[in-house]
Amino acid sequence: TDEYKNWLHKQFDKGEIPKRAISLMWNQRSVDTFLGLPFNIASY
């Protein structure tokens, strides 16, 4: 039921369960693939 769904959401809100997911896309003009890229991936 919608009531149960709403109840679940309220329980998760009380438990500080996030409501959203976030993604990130970076753009890179020049890529030193061997030395630099592993750092770029981890950094972002």
PDB file of all heavy atoms in Angstrom:
ATOM      1  N   THR A   1       0.822  -1.203   0.000  1.00  0.00           N
ATOM      2  CA  THR A   1       0.000   0.000   0.000  1.00  0.00           C
ATOM      3  C   THR A   1       0.854   1.251   0.000  1.00  0.00           C
ATOM      4  O   THR A   1       2.036   1.241   0.382  1.00  0.00           O
ATOM      5  CB  THR A   1      -0.902   0.029   1.242  1.00  0.00           C
ATOM      6  OG1 THR A   1      -0.089   0.098   2.419  1.00  0.00           O
ATOM      7  CG2 THR A   1      -1.782  -1.226   1.292  1.00  0.00           C
ATOM      8  N   ASP A   2       0.266   2.350  -0.450  1.00  0.00           N
ATOM      9  CA  ASP A   2       0.948   3.637  -0.402  1.00  0.00           C
ATOM     10  C   ASP A   2       1.284   4.011   1.034  1.00  0.00           C
ATOM     11  O   ASP A   2       2.312   4.637   1.294  1.00  0.00           O
ATOM     12  CB  ASP A   2       0.075   4.725  -1.042  1.00  0.00           C
ATOM     13  CG  ASP A   2      -0.030   4.558  -2.544  1.00  0.00           C
ATOM     14  OD1 ASP A   2       0.849   3.899  -3.143  1.00  0.00           O
ATOM     15  OD2 ASP A   2      -0.999   5.106  -3.133  1.00  0.00           O
ATOM     16  N   GLU A   3       0.408   3.612   1.958  1.00  0.00           N
ATOM     17  CA  GLU A   3       0.662   3.894   3.370  1.00  0.00           C
ATOM     18  C   GLU A   3       1.946   3.219   3.841  1.00  0.00           C
ATOM     19  O   GLU A   3       2.746   3.805   4.569  1.00  0.00           O
ATOM     20  CB  GLU A   3      -0.531   3.439   4.227  1.00  0.00           C
ATOM     21  CG  GLU A   3      -1.781   4.297   4.095  1.00  0.00           C
ATOM     22  CD  GLU A   3      -2.559   3.981   2.833  1.00  0.00           C
ATOM     23  OE1 GLU A   3      -2.261   2.952   2.165  1.00  0.00           O
ATOM     24  OE2 GLU A   3      -3.472   4.761   2.511  1.00  0.00           O
ATOM     25  N   TYR A   4       2.136   1.947   3.394  1.00  0.00           N
ATOM     26  CA  TYR A   4       3.339   1.222   3.783  1.00  0.00           C
ATOM     27  C   TYR A   4       4.585   1.844   3.153  1.00  0.00           C
ATOM     28  O   TYR A   4       5.627   1.981   3.797  1.00  0.00           O
ATOM     29  CB  TYR A   4       3.229  -0.245   3.391  1.00  0.00           C
ATOM     30  CG  TYR A   4       4.424  -1.082   3.802  1.00  0.00           C
ATOM     31  CD1 TYR A   4       4.784  -1.208   5.128  1.00  0.00           C
ATOM     32  CD2 TYR A   4       5.200  -1.725   2.847  1.00  0.00           C
ATOM     33  CE1 TYR A   4       5.884  -1.960   5.514  1.00  0.00           C
ATOM     34  CE2 TYR A   4       6.304  -2.491   3.215  1.00  0.00           C
ATOM     35  CZ  TYR A   4       6.648  -2.598   4.555  1.00  0.00           C
ATOM     36  OH  TYR A   4       7.733  -3.352   4.924  1.00  0.00           O
ATOM     37  N   LYS A   5       4.459   2.259   1.892  1.00  0.00           N
ATOM     38  CA  LYS A   5       5.586   2.910   1.227  1.00  0.00           C
ATOM     39  C   LYS A   5       5.965   4.197   1.951  1.00  0.00           C
ATOM     40  O   LYS A   5       7.138   4.465   2.203  1.00  0.00           O
ATOM     41  CB  LYS A   5       5.242   3.220  -0.231  1.00  0.00           C
ATOM     42  CG  LYS A   5       5.017   2.006  -1.105  1.00  0.00           C
ATOM     43  CD  LYS A   5       4.614   2.441  -2.511  1.00  0.00           C
ATOM     44  CE  LYS A   5       4.128   1.300  -3.342  1.00  0.00           C
ATOM     45  NZ  LYS A   5       3.652   1.756  -4.675  1.00  0.00           N
ATOM     46  N   ASN A   6       4.956   4.998   2.288  1.00  0.00           N
ATOM     47  CA  ASN A   6       5.214   6.244   2.994  1.00  0.00           C
ATOM     48  C   ASN A   6       5.836   5.977   4.359  1.00  0.00           C
ATOM     49  O   ASN A   6       6.728   6.710   4.809  1.00  0.00           O
ATOM     50  CB  ASN A   6       3.922   7.057   3.136  1.00  0.00           C
ATOM     51  CG  ASN A   6       3.418   7.583   1.803  1.00  0.00           C
ATOM     52  OD1 ASN A   6       4.189   7.798   0.871  1.00  0.00           O
ATOM     53  ND2 ASN A   6       2.106   7.793   1.705  1.00  0.00           N
ATOM     54  N   TRP A   7       5.336   4.934   5.026  1.00  0.00           N
ATOM     55  CA  TRP A   7       5.891   4.577   6.331  1.00  0.00           C
ATOM     56  C   TRP A   7       7.372   4.199   6.202  1.00  0.00           C
ATOM     57  O   TRP A   7       8.200   4.601   7.023  1.00  0.00           O
ATOM     58  CB  TRP A   7       5.103   3.420   6.929  1.00  0.00           C
ATOM     59  CG  TRP A   7       5.638   2.975   8.265  1.00  0.00           C
ATOM     60  CD1 TRP A   7       5.371   3.516   9.488  1.00  0.00           C
ATOM     61  CD2 TRP A   7       6.551   1.898   8.498  1.00  0.00           C
ATOM     62  NE1 TRP A   7       6.051   2.848  10.471  1.00  0.00           N
ATOM     63  CE2 TRP A   7       6.786   1.848   9.895  1.00  0.00           C
ATOM     64  CE3 TRP A   7       7.173   0.965   7.672  1.00  0.00           C
ATOM     65  CZ2 TRP A   7       7.633   0.914  10.465  1.00  0.00           C
ATOM     66  CZ3 TRP A   7       8.016   0.036   8.239  1.00  0.00           C
ATOM     67  CH2 TRP A   7       8.238   0.007   9.619  1.00  0.00           C
ATOM     68  N   LEU A   8       7.692   3.417   5.153  1.00  0.00           N
ATOM     69  CA  LEU A   8       9.087   3.034   4.927  1.00  0.00           C
ATOM     70  C   LEU A   8       9.973   4.263   4.713  1.00  0.00           C
ATOM     71  O   LEU A   8      11.041   4.387   5.306  1.00  0.00           O
ATOM     72  CB  LEU A   8       9.196   2.111   3.715  1.00  0.00           C
ATOM     73  CG  LEU A   8       8.813   0.649   3.922  1.00  0.00           C
ATOM     74  CD1 LEU A   8       8.870  -0.096   2.593  1.00  0.00           C
ATOM     75  CD2 LEU A   8       9.738  -0.017   4.927  1.00  0.00           C
ATOM     76  N   HIS A   9       9.501   5.181   3.859  1.00  0.00           N
ATOM     77  CA  HIS A   9      10.276   6.389   3.598  1.00  0.00           C
ATOM     78  C   HIS A   9      10.524   7.172   4.884  1.00  0.00           C
ATOM     79  O   HIS A   9      11.630   7.691   5.110  1.00  0.00           O
ATOM     80  CB  HIS A   9       9.585   7.274   2.567  1.00  0.00           C
ATOM     81  CG  HIS A   9       9.815   6.840   1.146  1.00  0.00           C
ATOM     82  ND1 HIS A   9      11.070   6.795   0.583  1.00  0.00           N
ATOM     83  CD2 HIS A   9       8.942   6.452   0.175  1.00  0.00           C
ATOM     84  CE1 HIS A   9      10.984   6.378  -0.679  1.00  0.00           C
ATOM     85  NE2 HIS A   9       9.694   6.173  -0.943  1.00  0.00           N
ATOM     86  N   LYS A  10       9.505   7.253   5.749  1.00  0.00           N
ATOM     87  CA  LYS A  10       9.651   7.980   7.008  1.00  0.00           C
ATOM     88  C   LYS A  10      10.663   7.288   7.915  1.00  0.00           C
ATOM     89  O   LYS A  10      11.451   7.954   8.595  1.00  0.00           O
ATOM     90  CB  LYS A  10       8.291   8.101   7.703  1.00  0.00           C
ATOM     91  CG  LYS A  10       7.334   9.060   7.000  1.00  0.00           C
ATOM     92  CD  LYS A  10       5.997   9.134   7.724  1.00  0.00           C
ATOM     93  CE  LYS A  10       5.051  10.086   6.999  1.00  0.00           C
ATOM     94  NZ  LYS A  10       3.713  10.156   7.683  1.00  0.00           N
ATOM     95  N   GLN A  11      10.632   5.952   7.930  1.00  0.00           N
ATOM     96  CA  GLN A  11      11.611   5.223   8.739  1.00  0.00           C
ATOM     97  C   GLN A  11      13.027   5.486   8.241  1.00  0.00           C
ATOM     98  O   GLN A  11      13.955   5.671   9.023  1.00  0.00           O
ATOM     99  CB  GLN A  11      11.314   3.719   8.703  1.00  0.00           C
ATOM    100  CG  GLN A  11       9.964   3.319   9.268  1.00  0.00           C
ATOM    101  CD  GLN A  11       9.764   3.840  10.674  1.00  0.00           C
ATOM    102  OE1 GLN A  11      10.564   3.604  11.590  1.00  0.00           O
ATOM    103  NE2 GLN A  11       8.678   4.587  10.847  1.00  0.00           N
ATOM    104  N   PHE A  12      13.179   5.500   6.921  1.00  0.00           N
ATOM    105  CA  PHE A  12      14.501   5.749   6.348  1.00  0.00           C
ATOM    106  C   PHE A  12      14.955   7.181   6.604  1.00  0.00           C
ATOM    107  O   PHE A  12      16.131   7.436   6.827  1.00  0.00           O
ATOM    108  CB  PHE A  12      14.491   5.449   4.854  1.00  0.00           C
ATOM    109  CG  PHE A  12      14.160   4.018   4.517  1.00  0.00           C
ATOM    110  CD1 PHE A  12      13.518   3.694   3.326  1.00  0.00           C
ATOM    111  CD2 PHE A  12      14.483   2.997   5.401  1.00  0.00           C
ATOM    112  CE1 PHE A  12      13.219   2.388   3.025  1.00  0.00           C
ATOM    113  CE2 PHE A  12      14.182   1.674   5.093  1.00  0.00           C
ATOM    114  CZ  PHE A  12      13.542   1.373   3.912  1.00  0.00           C
ATOM    115  N   ASP A  13      14.007   8.130   6.568  1.00  0.00           N
ATOM    116  CA  ASP A  13      14.351   9.518   6.875  1.00  0.00           C
ATOM    117  C   ASP A  13      14.854   9.641   8.311  1.00  0.00           C
ATOM    118  O   ASP A  13      15.834  10.335   8.580  1.00  0.00           O
ATOM    119  CB  ASP A  13      13.151  10.436   6.657  1.00  0.00           C
ATOM    120  CG  ASP A  13      12.765  10.561   5.188  1.00  0.00           C
ATOM    121  OD1 ASP A  13      13.590  10.212   4.318  1.00  0.00           O
ATOM    122  OD2 ASP A  13      11.623  11.013   4.918  1.00  0.00           O
ATOM    123  N   LYS A  14      14.166   8.967   9.240  1.00  0.00           N
ATOM    124  CA  LYS A  14      14.582   8.993  10.643  1.00  0.00           C
ATOM    125  C   LYS A  14      15.968   8.378  10.809  1.00  0.00           C
ATOM    126  O   LYS A  14      16.752   8.818  11.649  1.00  0.00           O
ATOM    127  CB  LYS A  14      13.578   8.236  11.512  1.00  0.00           C
ATOM    128  CG  LYS A  14      12.224   8.908  11.657  1.00  0.00           C
ATOM    129  CD  LYS A  14      11.296   8.055  12.510  1.00  0.00           C
ATOM    130  CE  LYS A  14       9.909   8.693  12.623  1.00  0.00           C
ATOM    131  NZ  LYS A  14       8.984   7.838  13.429  1.00  0.00           N
ATOM    132  N   GLY A  15      16.237   7.347  10.007  1.00  0.00           N
ATOM    133  CA  GLY A  15      17.528   6.679  10.084  1.00  0.00           C
ATOM    134  C   GLY A  15      18.599   7.325   9.238  1.00  0.00           C
ATOM    135  O   GLY A  15      19.692   6.763   9.077  1.00  0.00           O
ATOM    136  N   GLU A  16      18.310   8.524   8.700  1.00  0.00           N
ATOM    137  CA  GLU A  16      19.250   9.277   7.875  1.00  0.00           C
ATOM    138  C   GLU A  16      19.731   8.475   6.670  1.00  0.00           C
ATOM    139  O   GLU A  16      20.913   8.502   6.316  1.00  0.00           O
ATOM    140  CB  GLU A  16      20.436   9.762   8.718  1.00  0.00           C
ATOM    141  CG  GLU A  16      20.046  10.709   9.844  1.00  0.00           C
ATOM    142  CD  GLU A  16      21.242  11.240  10.609  1.00  0.00           C
ATOM    143  OE1 GLU A  16      22.316  10.605  10.559  1.00  0.00           O
ATOM    144  OE2 GLU A  16      21.114  12.314  11.244  1.00  0.00           O
ATOM    145  N   ILE A  17      18.798   7.751   6.052  1.00  0.00           N
ATOM    146  CA  ILE A  17      19.094   7.048   4.814  1.00  0.00           C
ATOM    147  C   ILE A  17      18.919   8.019   3.661  1.00  0.00           C
ATOM    148  O   ILE A  17      17.847   8.620   3.505  1.00  0.00           O
ATOM    149  CB  ILE A  17      18.165   5.828   4.628  1.00  0.00           C
ATOM    150  CG1 ILE A  17      18.241   4.885   5.831  1.00  0.00           C
ATOM    151  CG2 ILE A  17      18.500   5.101   3.340  1.00  0.00           C
ATOM    152  CD1 ILE A  17      19.602   4.299   6.078  1.00  0.00           C
ATOM    153  N   PRO A  18      19.939   8.232   2.830  1.00  0.00           N
ATOM    154  CA  PRO A  18      19.840   9.208   1.738  1.00  0.00           C
ATOM    155  C   PRO A  18      18.673   8.947   0.798  1.00  0.00           C
ATOM    156  O   PRO A  18      18.264   7.796   0.590  1.00  0.00           O
ATOM    157  CB  PRO A  18      21.181   9.049   1.009  1.00  0.00           C
ATOM    158  CG  PRO A  18      22.109   8.518   2.048  1.00  0.00           C
ATOM    159  CD  PRO A  18      21.276   7.607   2.903  1.00  0.00           C
ATOM    160  N   LYS A  19      18.173  10.028   0.211  1.00  0.00           N
ATOM    161  CA  LYS A  19      17.067   9.941  -0.735  1.00  0.00           C
ATOM    162  C   LYS A  19      17.531   9.963  -2.185  1.00  0.00           C
ATOM    163  O   LYS A  19      16.769   9.578  -3.078  1.00  0.00           O
ATOM    164  CB  LYS A  19      16.093  11.100  -0.512  1.00  0.00           C
ATOM    165  CG  LYS A  19      15.404  11.110   0.847  1.00  0.00           C
ATOM    166  CD  LYS A  19      14.476  12.308   0.960  1.00  0.00           C
ATOM    167  CE  LYS A  19      13.763  12.316   2.309  1.00  0.00           C
ATOM    168  NZ  LYS A  19      12.855  13.483   2.453  1.00  0.00           N
ATOM    169  N   ARG A  20      18.748  10.438  -2.417  1.00  0.00           N
ATOM    170  CA  ARG A  20      19.230  10.613  -3.776  1.00  0.00           C
ATOM    171  C   ARG A  20      20.604   9.995  -3.988  1.00  0.00           C
ATOM    172  O   ARG A  20      21.375   9.808  -3.043  1.00  0.00           O
ATOM    173  CB  ARG A  20      19.290  12.106  -4.145  1.00  0.00           C
ATOM    174  CG  ARG A  20      17.939  12.723  -4.483  1.00  0.00           C
ATOM    175  CD  ARG A  20      18.068  14.167  -4.907  1.00  0.00           C
ATOM    176  NE  ARG A  20      16.809  14.663  -5.423  1.00  0.00           N
ATOM    177  CZ  ARG A  20      16.457  14.705  -6.695  1.00  0.00           C
ATOM    178  NH1 ARG A  20      17.291  14.296  -7.615  1.00  0.00           N
ATOM    179  NH2 ARG A  20      15.272  15.178  -7.062  1.00  0.00           N
ATOM    180  N   ALA A  21      20.870   9.694  -5.248  1.00  0.00           N
ATOM    181  CA  ALA A  21      22.192   9.260  -5.685  1.00  0.00           C
ATOM    182  C   ALA A  21      22.779  10.354  -6.563  1.00  0.00           C
ATOM    183  O   ALA A  21      22.054  11.055  -7.273  1.00  0.00           O
ATOM    184  CB  ALA A  21      22.107   7.943  -6.457  1.00  0.00           C
ATOM    185  N   ILE A  22      24.105  10.491  -6.547  1.00  0.00           N
ATOM    186  CA  ILE A  22      24.773  11.534  -7.307  1.00  0.00           C
ATOM    187  C   ILE A  22      25.894  10.927  -8.147  1.00  0.00           C
ATOM    188  O   ILE A  22      26.671  10.096  -7.658  1.00  0.00           O
ATOM    189  CB  ILE A  22      25.316  12.651  -6.381  1.00  0.00           C
ATOM    190  CG1 ILE A  22      26.007  13.745  -7.190  1.00  0.00           C
ATOM    191  CG2 ILE A  22      26.234  12.099  -5.305  1.00  0.00           C
ATOM    192  CD1 ILE A  22      26.350  14.983  -6.371  1.00  0.00           C
ATOM    193  N   SER A  23      25.970  11.323  -9.401  1.00  0.00           N
ATOM    194  CA  SER A  23      27.010  10.892 -10.327  1.00  0.00           C
ATOM    195  C   SER A  23      27.872  12.084 -10.718  1.00  0.00           C
ATOM    196  O   SER A  23      27.439  13.237 -10.637  1.00  0.00           O
ATOM    197  CB  SER A  23      26.398  10.260 -11.579  1.00  0.00           C
ATOM    198  OG  SER A  23      25.640   9.111 -11.264  1.00  0.00           O
ATOM    199  N   LEU A  24      29.097  11.793 -11.160  1.00  0.00           N
ATOM    200  CA  LEU A  24      30.022  12.848 -11.581  1.00  0.00           C
ATOM    201  C   LEU A  24      30.681  12.432 -12.888  1.00  0.00           C
ATOM    202  O   LEU A  24      31.126  11.297 -13.042  1.00  0.00           O
ATOM    203  CB  LEU A  24      31.082  13.099 -10.503  1.00  0.00           C
ATOM    204  CG  LEU A  24      32.103  14.226 -10.748  1.00  0.00           C
ATOM    205  CD1 LEU A  24      32.544  14.838  -9.416  1.00  0.00           C
ATOM    206  CD2 LEU A  24      33.320  13.750 -11.521  1.00  0.00           C
ATOM    207  N   MET A  25      30.754  13.382 -13.818  1.00  0.00           N
ATOM    208  CA  MET A  25      31.442  13.186 -15.087  1.00  0.00           C
ATOM    209  C   MET A  25      32.464  14.299 -15.261  1.00  0.00           C
ATOM    210  O   MET A  25      32.119  15.470 -15.190  1.00  0.00           O
ATOM    211  CB  MET A  25      30.440  13.206 -16.247  1.00  0.00           C
ATOM    212  CG  MET A  25      31.063  13.044 -17.635  1.00  0.00           C
ATOM    213  SD  MET A  25      29.805  13.004 -18.939  1.00  0.00           S
ATOM    214  CE  MET A  25      29.222  14.708 -18.890  1.00  0.00           C
ATOM    215  N   TRP A  26      33.742  13.912 -15.443  1.00  0.00           N
ATOM    216  CA  TRP A  26      34.757  14.927 -15.693  1.00  0.00           C
ATOM    217  C   TRP A  26      35.224  14.861 -17.147  1.00  0.00           C
ATOM    218  O   TRP A  26      35.169  13.823 -17.790  1.00  0.00           O
ATOM    219  CB  TRP A  26      35.925  14.798 -14.715  1.00  0.00           C
ATOM    220  CG  TRP A  26      37.019  13.839 -15.107  1.00  0.00           C
ATOM    221  CD1 TRP A  26      38.150  14.127 -15.821  1.00  0.00           C
ATOM    222  CD2 TRP A  26      37.099  12.440 -14.786  1.00  0.00           C
ATOM    223  NE1 TRP A  26      38.928  12.999 -15.962  1.00  0.00           N
ATOM    224  CE2 TRP A  26      38.313  11.949 -15.341  1.00  0.00           C
ATOM    225  CE3 TRP A  26      36.268  11.564 -14.087  1.00  0.00           C
ATOM    226  CZ2 TRP A  26      38.703  10.617 -15.224  1.00  0.00           C
ATOM    227  CZ3 TRP A  26      36.656  10.233 -13.969  1.00  0.00           C
ATOM    228  CH2 TRP A  26      37.856   9.782 -14.534  1.00  0.00           C
ATOM    229  N   ASN A  27      35.690  15.991 -17.667  1.00  0.00           N
ATOM    230  CA  ASN A  27      36.193  16.115 -19.027  1.00  0.00           C
ATOM    231  C   ASN A  27      37.681  16.444 -18.985  1.00  0.00           C
ATOM    232  O   ASN A  27      38.110  17.320 -18.225  1.00  0.00           O
ATOM    233  CB  ASN A  27      35.436  17.199 -19.792  1.00  0.00           C
ATOM    234  CG  ASN A  27      33.963  16.864 -19.952  1.00  0.00           C
ATOM    235  OD1 ASN A  27      33.613  15.853 -20.531  1.00  0.00           O
ATOM    236  ND2 ASN A  27      33.100  17.708 -19.417  1.00  0.00           N
ATOM    237  N   GLN A  28      38.453  15.765 -19.813  1.00  0.00           N
ATOM    238  CA  GLN A  28      39.900  15.917 -19.780  1.00  0.00           C
ATOM    239  C   GLN A  28      40.435  16.043 -21.196  1.00  0.00           C
ATOM    240  O   GLN A  28      40.216  15.182 -22.041  1.00  0.00           O
ATOM    241  CB  GLN A  28      40.536  14.715 -19.063  1.00  0.00           C
ATOM    242  CG  GLN A  28      42.001  14.868 -18.731  1.00  0.00           C
ATOM    243  CD  GLN A  28      42.456  13.927 -17.626  1.00  0.00           C
ATOM    244  OE1 GLN A  28      41.643  13.367 -16.900  1.00  0.00           O
ATOM    245  NE2 GLN A  28      43.762  13.775 -17.473  1.00  0.00           N
ATOM    246  N   ARG A  29      41.152  17.140 -21.468  1.00  0.00           N
ATOM    247  CA  ARG A  29      41.653  17.404 -22.819  1.00  0.00           C
ATOM    248  C   ARG A  29      42.908  16.611 -23.136  1.00  0.00           C
ATOM    249  O   ARG A  29      43.161  16.237 -24.276  1.00  0.00           O
ATOM    250  CB  ARG A  29      41.946  18.896 -23.000  1.00  0.00           C
ATOM    251  CG  ARG A  29      43.057  19.406 -22.129  1.00  0.00           C
ATOM    252  CD  ARG A  29      43.528  20.803 -22.434  1.00  0.00           C
ATOM    253  NE  ARG A  29      44.601  21.181 -21.532  1.00  0.00           N
ATOM    254  CZ  ARG A  29      45.897  20.912 -21.731  1.00  0.00           C
ATOM    255  NH1 ARG A  29      46.272  20.284 -22.837  1.00  0.00           N
ATOM    256  NH2 ARG A  29      46.809  21.286 -20.850  1.00  0.00           N
ATOM    257  N   SER A  30      43.750  16.409 -22.115  1.00  0.00           N
ATOM    258  CA  SER A  30      45.045  15.756 -22.293  1.00  0.00           C
ATOM    259  C   SER A  30      45.222  14.727 -21.190  1.00  0.00           C
ATOM    260  O   SER A  30      45.102  15.054 -20.008  1.00  0.00           O
ATOM    261  CB  SER A  30      46.175  16.792 -22.253  1.00  0.00           C
ATOM    262  OG  SER A  30      47.448  16.182 -22.331  1.00  0.00           O
ATOM    263  N   VAL A  31      45.515  13.489 -21.571  1.00  0.00           N
ATOM    264  CA  VAL A  31      45.528  12.384 -20.610  1.00  0.00           C
ATOM    265  C   VAL A  31      46.859  11.640 -20.671  1.00  0.00           C
ATOM    266  O   VAL A  31      47.147  10.935 -21.643  1.00  0.00           O
ATOM    267  CB  VAL A  31      44.373  11.403 -20.887  1.00  0.00           C
ATOM    268  CG1 VAL A  31      44.310  10.335 -19.786  1.00  0.00           C
ATOM    269  CG2 VAL A  31      43.049  12.134 -21.010  1.00  0.00           C
ATOM    270  N   ASP A  32      47.684  11.809 -19.644  1.00  0.00           N
ATOM    271  CA  ASP A  32      48.885  10.991 -19.462  1.00  0.00           C
ATOM    272  C   ASP A  32      48.391   9.654 -18.911  1.00  0.00           C
ATOM    273  O   ASP A  32      48.212   9.489 -17.707  1.00  0.00           O
ATOM    274  CB  ASP A  32      49.843  11.693 -18.493  1.00  0.00           C
ATOM    275  CG  ASP A  32      51.081  10.865 -18.165  1.00  0.00           C
ATOM    276  OD1 ASP A  32      51.186   9.705 -18.639  1.00  0.00           O
ATOM    277  OD2 ASP A  32      51.939  11.358 -17.403  1.00  0.00           O
ATOM    278  N   THR A  33      48.188   8.700 -19.794  1.00  0.00           N
ATOM    279  CA  THR A  33      47.439   7.503 -19.442  1.00  0.00           C
ATOM    280  C   THR A  33      48.145   6.642 -18.404  1.00  0.00           C
ATOM    281  O   THR A  33      47.507   6.090 -17.508  1.00  0.00           O
ATOM    282  CB  THR A  33      47.135   6.670 -20.696  1.00  0.00           C
ATOM    283  OG1 THR A  33      46.479   7.497 -21.662  1.00  0.00           O
ATOM    284  CG2 THR A  33      46.226   5.491 -20.370  1.00  0.00           C
ATOM    285  N   PHE A  34      49.457   6.517 -18.492  1.00  0.00           N
ATOM    286  CA  PHE A  34      50.142   5.610 -17.588  1.00  0.00           C
ATOM    287  C   PHE A  34      50.336   6.186 -16.196  1.00  0.00           C
ATOM    288  O   PHE A  34      50.025   5.534 -15.198  1.00  0.00           O
ATOM    289  CB  PHE A  34      51.491   5.174 -18.158  1.00  0.00           C
ATOM    290  CG  PHE A  34      52.106   4.051 -17.373  1.00  0.00           C
ATOM    291  CD1 PHE A  34      51.638   2.757 -17.503  1.00  0.00           C
ATOM    292  CD2 PHE A  34      53.127   4.288 -16.473  1.00  0.00           C
ATOM    293  CE1 PHE A  34      52.179   1.725 -16.753  1.00  0.00           C
ATOM    294  CE2 PHE A  34      53.677   3.270 -15.722  1.00  0.00           C
ATOM    295  CZ  PHE A  34      53.206   1.978 -15.865  1.00  0.00           C
ATOM    296  N   LEU A  35      50.824   7.425 -16.090  1.00  0.00           N
ATOM    297  CA  LEU A  35      51.110   8.002 -14.782  1.00  0.00           C
ATOM    298  C   LEU A  35      49.957   8.844 -14.247  1.00  0.00           C
ATOM    299  O   LEU A  35      49.637   8.773 -13.063  1.00  0.00           O
ATOM    300  CB  LEU A  35      52.378   8.864 -14.843  1.00  0.00           C
ATOM    301  CG  LEU A  35      53.707   8.125 -15.004  1.00  0.00           C
ATOM    302  CD1 LEU A  35      54.861   9.126 -15.046  1.00  0.00           C
ATOM    303  CD2 LEU A  35      53.932   7.119 -13.884  1.00  0.00           C
ATOM    304  N   GLY A  36      49.339   9.652 -15.097  1.00  0.00           N
ATOM    305  CA  GLY A  36      48.356  10.604 -14.618  1.00  0.00           C
ATOM    306  C   GLY A  36      46.950  10.074 -14.447  1.00  0.00           C
ATOM    307  O   GLY A  36      46.277  10.378 -13.456  1.00  0.00           O
ATOM    308  N   LEU A  37      46.472   9.274 -15.405  1.00  0.00           N
ATOM    309  CA  LEU A  37      45.074   8.851 -15.396  1.00  0.00           C
ATOM    310  C   LEU A  37      44.675   8.076 -14.137  1.00  0.00           C
ATOM    311  O   LEU A  37      43.585   8.313 -13.603  1.00  0.00           O
ATOM    312  CB  LEU A  37      44.756   8.048 -16.653  1.00  0.00           C
ATOM    313  CG  LEU A  37      43.300   7.598 -16.809  1.00  0.00           C
ATOM    314  CD1 LEU A  37      42.344   8.774 -16.761  1.00  0.00           C
ATOM    315  CD2 LEU A  37      43.115   6.799 -18.110  1.00  0.00           C
ATOM    316  N   PRO A  38      45.483   7.142 -13.626  1.00  0.00           N
ATOM    317  CA  PRO A  38      45.089   6.471 -12.372  1.00  0.00           C
ATOM    318  C   PRO A  38      44.827   7.455 -11.233  1.00  0.00           C
ATOM    319  O   PRO A  38      43.916   7.241 -10.424  1.00  0.00           O
ATOM    320  CB  PRO A  38      46.295   5.570 -12.068  1.00  0.00           C
ATOM    321  CG  PRO A  38      46.884   5.279 -13.409  1.00  0.00           C
ATOM    322  CD  PRO A  38      46.729   6.553 -14.185  1.00  0.00           C
ATOM    323  N   PHE A  39      45.599   8.554 -11.175  1.00  0.00           N
ATOM    324  CA  PHE A  39      45.366   9.588 -10.168  1.00  0.00           C
ATOM    325  C   PHE A  39      44.074  10.336 -10.465  1.00  0.00           C
ATOM    326  O   PHE A  39      43.303  10.641  -9.542  1.00  0.00           O
ATOM    327  CB  PHE A  39      46.544  10.568 -10.127  1.00  0.00           C
ATOM    328  CG  PHE A  39      47.668  10.131  -9.236  1.00  0.00           C
ATOM    329  CD1 PHE A  39      48.537   9.137  -9.637  1.00  0.00           C
ATOM    330  CD2 PHE A  39      47.854  10.705  -8.000  1.00  0.00           C
ATOM    331  CE1 PHE A  39      49.578   8.726  -8.832  1.00  0.00           C
ATOM    332  CE2 PHE A  39      48.892  10.305  -7.177  1.00  0.00           C
ATOM    333  CZ  PHE A  39      49.755   9.311  -7.585  1.00  0.00           C
ATOM    334  N   ASN A  40      43.837  10.680 -11.736  1.00  0.00           N
ATOM    335  CA  ASN A  40      42.628  11.404 -12.105  1.00  0.00           C
ATOM    336  C   ASN A  40      41.376  10.616 -11.733  1.00  0.00           C
ATOM    337  O   ASN A  40      40.418  11.174 -11.182  1.00  0.00           O
ATOM    338  CB  ASN A  40      42.615  11.701 -13.603  1.00  0.00           C
ATOM    339  CG  ASN A  40      43.782  12.531 -14.080  1.00  0.00           C
ATOM    340  OD1 ASN A  40      44.360  12.271 -15.144  1.00  0.00           O
ATOM    341  ND2 ASN A  40      44.196  13.529 -13.306  1.00  0.00           N
ATOM    342  N   ILE A  41      41.368   9.334 -12.031  1.00  0.00           N
ATOM    343  CA  ILE A  41      40.213   8.486 -11.720  1.00  0.00           C
ATOM    344  C   ILE A  41      39.951   8.478 -10.222  1.00  0.00           C
ATOM    345  O   ILE A  41      38.826   8.696  -9.757  1.00  0.00           O
ATOM    346  CB  ILE A  41      40.432   7.053 -12.240  1.00  0.00           C
ATOM    347  CG1 ILE A  41      40.520   7.039 -13.768  1.00  0.00           C
ATOM    348  CG2 ILE A  41      39.306   6.131 -11.760  1.00  0.00           C
ATOM    349  CD1 ILE A  41      40.959   5.692 -14.336  1.00  0.00           C
ATOM    350  N   ALA A  42      40.994   8.222  -9.440  1.00  0.00           N
ATOM    351  CA  ALA A  42      40.842   8.158  -7.988  1.00  0.00           C
ATOM    352  C   ALA A  42      40.467   9.521  -7.406  1.00  0.00           C
ATOM    353  O   ALA A  42      39.660   9.613  -6.476  1.00  0.00           O
ATOM    354  CB  ALA A  42      42.130   7.646  -7.348  1.00  0.00           C
ATOM    355  N   SER A  43      41.046  10.603  -7.951  1.00  0.00           N
ATOM    356  CA  SER A  43      40.781  11.940  -7.443  1.00  0.00           C
ATOM    357  C   SER A  43      39.326  12.329  -7.627  1.00  0.00           C
ATOM    358  O   SER A  43      38.677  12.823  -6.696  1.00  0.00           O
ATOM    359  CB  SER A  43      41.697  12.951  -8.143  1.00  0.00           C
ATOM    360  OG  SER A  43      41.473  14.259  -7.658  1.00  0.00           O
ATOM    361  N   TYR A  44      38.772  12.093  -8.815  1.00  0.00           N
ATOM    362  CA  TYR A  44      37.379  12.438  -9.024  1.00  0.00           C
ATOM    363  C   TYR A  44      36.447  11.470  -8.303  1.00  0.00           C
ATOM    364  O   TYR A  44      35.336  11.835  -7.921  1.00  0.00           O
ATOM    365  CB  TYR A  44      37.063  12.528 -10.522  1.00  0.00           C
ATOM    366  CG  TYR A  44      37.467  13.876 -11.080  1.00  0.00           C
ATOM    367  CD1 TYR A  44      38.611  14.017 -11.846  1.00  0.00           C
ATOM    368  CD2 TYR A  44      36.721  15.013 -10.796  1.00  0.00           C
ATOM    369  CE1 TYR A  44      39.004  15.260 -12.329  1.00  0.00           C
ATOM    370  CE2 TYR A  44      37.098  16.260 -11.278  1.00  0.00           C
ATOM    371  CZ  TYR A  44      38.233  16.381 -12.035  1.00  0.00           C
ATOM    372  OH  TYR A  44      38.617  17.618 -12.502  1.00  0.00           O
TER     373      TYR A  44
END
